[in-house]
């Protein structure tokens, strides 16, 4: 992951995502949260590659660890939760019985002192520096019987897939150029073009796949349960 990209994007991240996805990513998030809540409603959450914290905000568990390597994104996360009435104490945020711990680190390297009931990665796994290492580290912090939820864009080679890739590789960088971020969005498009569903699932062979669903037009949603 090129953290400098996300440092540069941080303050405009949510706006740019909504702009170039026509709001589709927000629809994916709502579908994801609704599906996750069918299986688990509360507990200890680890949200990896948390970006601006919207996924954690939507799930609203009582105890949440937000893993985010971008320093500028971390600043946005803190601002967003303070607006919701959370009180900041360093990288800890608290409101009533709810606690949030923000950890400036990566999936591969973060450490916490307890295990989670749910780990989520919304549009994050594709950008891990080492997917195998990152998921192995995350797995070590998930309780047996816990859930691992993923939404990620993956390559598909049908007409729709090729159309989406053309849009991401040609149109999105053009739009981003008006905000001085053309190359940043070229790199994001390139990452989708080389990423396949199997790149995710091959790391979860000991998990039960509870949900495996396509999200229009070019994403996959997985909810997996750790059995041992």
Protein backbone atom coordinates (compact mmCIF):
# COMPACT_ATOMS: atom_id res chain seq x y z
CA UNK A 1 0.00 0.00 0.00
CA UNK A 2 1.29 3.43 -0.89
CA UNK A 3 0.27 5.28 2.26
CA UNK A 4 1.11 8.64 0.68
CA UNK A 5 -1.86 8.17 -1.67
CA UNK A 6 -4.24 7.89 1.26
CA UNK A 7 -2.59 10.74 3.14
CA UNK A 8 -3.31 12.91 0.11
CA UNK A 9 -6.86 11.59 -0.33
CA UNK A 10 -7.89 11.67 3.33
CA UNK A 11 -9.81 14.96 3.55
CA UNK A 12 -11.56 14.35 0.25
CA UNK A 13 -11.82 10.57 0.49
CA UNK A 14 -15.54 10.14 1.18
CA UNK A 15 -16.47 12.84 -1.33
CA UNK A 16 -14.30 11.29 -4.06
CA UNK A 17 -15.56 7.76 -3.39
CA UNK A 18 -19.17 8.87 -3.68
CA UNK A 19 -18.39 10.92 -6.77
CA UNK A 20 -16.60 8.28 -8.82
CA UNK A 21 -18.78 5.36 -7.67
CA UNK A 22 -22.08 7.26 -8.11
CA UNK A 23 -22.87 6.31 -4.52
CA UNK A 24 -22.63 2.57 -5.19
CA UNK A 25 -19.99 2.00 -2.50
CA UNK A 26 -22.37 3.43 0.10
CA UNK A 27 -25.06 1.00 -1.08
CA UNK A 28 -22.54 -1.85 -0.76
CA UNK A 29 -21.75 -0.71 2.79
CA UNK A 30 -25.41 -0.74 3.79
CA UNK A 31 -25.93 -4.21 2.29
CA UNK A 32 -22.80 -5.44 4.09
CA UNK A 33 -23.85 -4.05 7.48
CA UNK A 34 -27.36 -5.49 7.13
CA UNK A 35 -25.96 -8.93 6.29
CA UNK A 36 -23.41 -8.84 9.11
CA UNK A 37 -26.10 -7.89 11.65
CA UNK A 38 -27.96 -11.11 10.79
CA UNK A 39 -25.05 -13.03 12.27
CA UNK A 40 -23.58 -10.77 14.97
CA UNK A 41 -24.96 -7.60 16.53
CA UNK A 42 -22.28 -6.53 19.00
CA UNK A 43 -19.01 -7.44 20.67
CA UNK A 44 -15.39 -6.59 19.91
CA UNK A 45 -14.81 -5.33 16.38
CA UNK A 46 -11.59 -4.97 14.41
CA UNK A 47 -12.04 -2.79 11.32
CA UNK A 48 -8.92 -3.06 9.16
CA UNK A 49 -7.96 -0.41 6.61
CA UNK A 50 -10.64 1.68 8.27
CA UNK A 51 -10.18 4.78 6.02
CA UNK A 52 -12.43 7.51 7.48
CA UNK A 53 -14.18 5.15 9.91
CA UNK A 54 -17.53 4.93 8.11
CA UNK A 55 -17.71 1.14 8.37
CA UNK A 56 -17.10 1.20 12.11
CA UNK A 57 -19.60 4.03 12.48
CA UNK A 58 -22.24 1.98 10.67
CA UNK A 59 -21.64 -1.17 12.78
CA UNK A 60 -21.45 0.81 16.05
CA UNK A 61 -20.16 -1.99 18.29
CA UNK A 62 -19.45 -1.26 21.95
CA UNK A 63 -15.71 -1.83 21.54
CA UNK A 64 -13.94 -1.17 18.25
CA UNK A 65 -10.35 -1.26 17.08
CA UNK A 66 -9.78 0.76 13.91
CA UNK A 67 -6.60 -0.21 12.07
CA UNK A 68 -5.45 2.48 9.63
CA UNK A 69 -1.87 3.18 8.44
CA UNK A 70 -2.48 6.65 7.01
CA UNK A 71 -1.78 9.41 9.52
CA UNK A 72 -4.07 11.84 7.70
CA UNK A 73 -6.89 9.28 7.63
CA UNK A 74 -6.45 8.79 11.37
CA UNK A 75 -6.97 12.52 11.88
CA UNK A 76 -10.20 12.34 9.87
CA UNK A 77 -11.41 9.32 11.88
CA UNK A 78 -10.88 11.21 15.13
CA UNK A 79 -12.68 14.30 13.82
CA UNK A 80 -15.62 12.21 12.56
CA UNK A 81 -16.18 10.43 15.88
CA UNK A 82 -15.72 13.58 17.94
CA UNK A 83 -18.60 15.04 15.92
CA UNK A 84 -20.68 12.12 17.22
CA UNK A 85 -19.93 13.08 20.82
CA UNK A 86 -16.93 10.85 21.50
CA UNK A 87 -14.34 12.22 23.90
CA UNK A 88 -10.72 11.88 22.77
CA UNK A 89 -7.91 10.64 24.98
CA UNK A 90 -4.93 10.21 22.66
CA UNK A 91 -5.88 7.43 20.24
CA UNK A 92 -8.75 6.31 22.46
CA UNK A 93 -12.27 7.64 22.00
CA UNK A 94 -15.08 7.08 24.46
CA UNK A 95 -18.80 7.83 24.65
CA UNK A 96 -20.95 6.32 27.42
CA UNK A 97 -20.31 2.55 27.29
CA UNK A 98 -18.63 2.65 23.88
CA UNK A 99 -14.86 2.62 23.28
CA UNK A 100 -12.83 3.08 20.11
CA UNK A 101 -9.10 2.45 19.84
CA UNK A 102 -7.38 3.82 16.75
CA UNK A 103 -4.21 2.00 15.80
CA UNK A 104 -1.95 3.54 13.17
CA UNK A 105 -0.67 0.34 11.63
CA UNK A 106 -1.28 -2.23 8.90
CA UNK A 107 -3.07 -5.57 8.77
CA UNK A 108 0.31 -7.26 8.69
CA UNK A 109 1.81 -5.54 11.74
CA UNK A 110 -0.88 -4.38 14.18
CA UNK A 111 -1.11 -5.78 17.71
CA UNK A 112 -3.92 -5.66 20.26
CA UNK A 113 -4.40 -7.27 23.70
CA UNK A 114 -7.61 -9.22 23.04
CA UNK A 115 -9.45 -11.16 20.38
CA UNK A 116 -12.34 -9.92 18.26
CA UNK A 117 -15.83 -11.28 17.67
CA UNK A 118 -15.86 -9.70 14.21
CA UNK A 119 -13.18 -8.54 11.81
CA UNK A 120 -14.17 -6.51 8.77
CA UNK A 121 -12.35 -5.27 5.71
CA UNK A 122 -14.41 -3.04 3.44
CA UNK A 123 -12.50 -2.32 0.22
CA UNK A 124 -9.20 -2.89 2.01
CA UNK A 125 -7.73 -6.35 1.38
CA UNK A 126 -6.75 -5.53 -2.19
CA UNK A 127 -4.36 -2.91 -0.85
CA UNK A 128 -2.59 -5.05 1.75
CA UNK A 129 1.17 -5.15 1.18
CA UNK A 130 1.15 -8.92 1.81
CA UNK A 131 -2.35 -10.43 1.74
CA UNK A 132 -1.31 -13.82 3.12
CA UNK A 133 0.61 -12.27 6.01
CA UNK A 134 -2.11 -9.70 6.69
CA UNK A 135 -4.92 -12.24 6.88
CA UNK A 136 -2.79 -14.60 9.00
CA UNK A 137 -2.18 -11.79 11.50
CA UNK A 138 -5.86 -10.83 11.51
CA UNK A 139 -6.86 -14.47 12.01
CA UNK A 140 -4.69 -14.62 15.13
CA UNK A 141 -6.91 -11.94 16.68
CA UNK A 142 -10.28 -13.55 15.86
CA UNK A 143 -12.06 -15.76 18.38
CA UNK A 144 -13.08 -19.27 17.43
CA UNK A 145 -16.69 -18.91 16.35
CA UNK A 146 -16.05 -15.31 15.28
CA UNK A 147 -16.80 -13.81 11.88
CA UNK A 148 -14.63 -12.28 9.18
CA UNK A 149 -16.50 -9.98 6.79
CA UNK A 150 -15.11 -8.74 3.49
CA UNK A 151 -16.30 -6.56 0.63
CA UNK A 152 -13.82 -6.12 -2.18
CA UNK A 153 -13.72 -5.27 -5.86
CA UNK A 154 -12.44 -8.21 -7.91
CA UNK A 155 -11.66 -8.66 -11.56
CA UNK A 156 -14.29 -10.19 -13.81
CA UNK A 157 -13.74 -10.83 -17.50
CA UNK A 158 -17.26 -10.54 -18.90
CA UNK A 159 -18.54 -7.48 -20.76
CA UNK A 160 -19.67 -5.69 -17.60
CA UNK A 161 -16.34 -6.32 -15.91
CA UNK A 162 -14.43 -4.95 -18.86
CA UNK A 163 -16.72 -1.91 -18.97
CA UNK A 164 -16.13 -1.18 -15.27
CA UNK A 165 -12.36 -1.56 -15.69
CA UNK A 166 -12.43 0.82 -18.65
CA UNK A 167 -14.35 3.32 -16.50
CA UNK A 168 -11.90 2.95 -13.61
CA UNK A 169 -8.78 3.14 -15.78
CA UNK A 170 -9.88 5.94 -18.12
CA UNK A 171 -12.81 7.96 -16.78
CA UNK A 172 -12.08 7.95 -13.04
CA UNK A 173 -8.49 9.27 -13.40
CA UNK A 174 -9.84 12.00 -15.71
CA UNK A 175 -12.37 13.06 -13.07
CA UNK A 176 -9.70 12.86 -10.37
CA UNK A 177 -7.37 15.05 -12.40
CA UNK A 178 -9.61 18.04 -11.62
CA UNK A 179 -8.73 17.48 -7.95
CA UNK A 180 -5.01 16.96 -8.59
CA UNK A 181 -5.21 13.21 -7.97
CA UNK A 182 -5.04 11.61 -11.42
CA UNK A 183 -2.10 9.28 -10.73
CA UNK A 184 -3.53 8.23 -7.37
CA UNK A 185 -6.69 6.97 -9.03
CA UNK A 186 -4.79 5.36 -11.89
CA UNK A 187 -3.06 3.19 -9.28
CA UNK A 188 -6.37 2.24 -7.68
CA UNK A 189 -7.74 1.13 -11.04
CA UNK A 190 -4.63 -0.91 -11.74
CA UNK A 191 -5.02 -2.76 -8.43
CA UNK A 192 -8.55 -3.92 -9.36
CA UNK A 193 -7.46 -5.14 -12.78
CA UNK A 194 -5.08 -7.68 -11.25
CA UNK A 195 -7.15 -8.88 -8.26
CA UNK A 196 -9.28 -12.03 -8.31
CA UNK A 197 -11.75 -13.67 -5.92
CA UNK A 198 -9.36 -16.57 -5.38
CA UNK A 199 -6.74 -14.13 -4.06
CA UNK A 200 -9.05 -13.74 -1.05
CA UNK A 201 -10.57 -17.18 -0.54
CA UNK A 202 -7.32 -19.15 -0.73
CA UNK A 203 -6.43 -17.61 2.65
CA UNK A 204 -9.61 -18.86 4.37
CA UNK A 205 -9.52 -22.62 3.76
CA UNK A 206 -10.25 -23.40 7.41
CA UNK A 207 -13.26 -21.08 7.58
CA UNK A 208 -16.89 -21.84 6.76
CA UNK A 209 -18.20 -19.55 4.01
CA UNK A 210 -21.51 -18.24 5.35
CA UNK A 211 -22.12 -15.66 2.61
CA UNK A 212 -20.62 -15.46 -0.88
CA UNK A 213 -22.50 -12.84 -2.85
CA UNK A 214 -21.81 -10.66 -5.87
CA UNK A 215 -22.54 -6.95 -5.53
CA UNK A 216 -23.38 -5.06 -8.71
CA UNK A 217 -21.41 -4.24 -10.72
CA UNK A 218 -18.03 -5.63 -9.70
CA UNK A 219 -17.60 -6.52 -6.03
CA UNK A 220 -17.86 -9.58 -3.84
CA UNK A 221 -19.17 -9.87 -0.30
CA UNK A 222 -17.93 -12.68 1.92
CA UNK A 223 -18.87 -13.52 5.47
CA UNK A 224 -16.76 -16.33 6.88
CA UNK A 225 -16.92 -18.08 10.24
CA UNK A 226 -13.83 -19.29 12.07
CA UNK A 227 -14.42 -22.88 13.16
CA UNK A 228 -11.06 -23.69 14.79
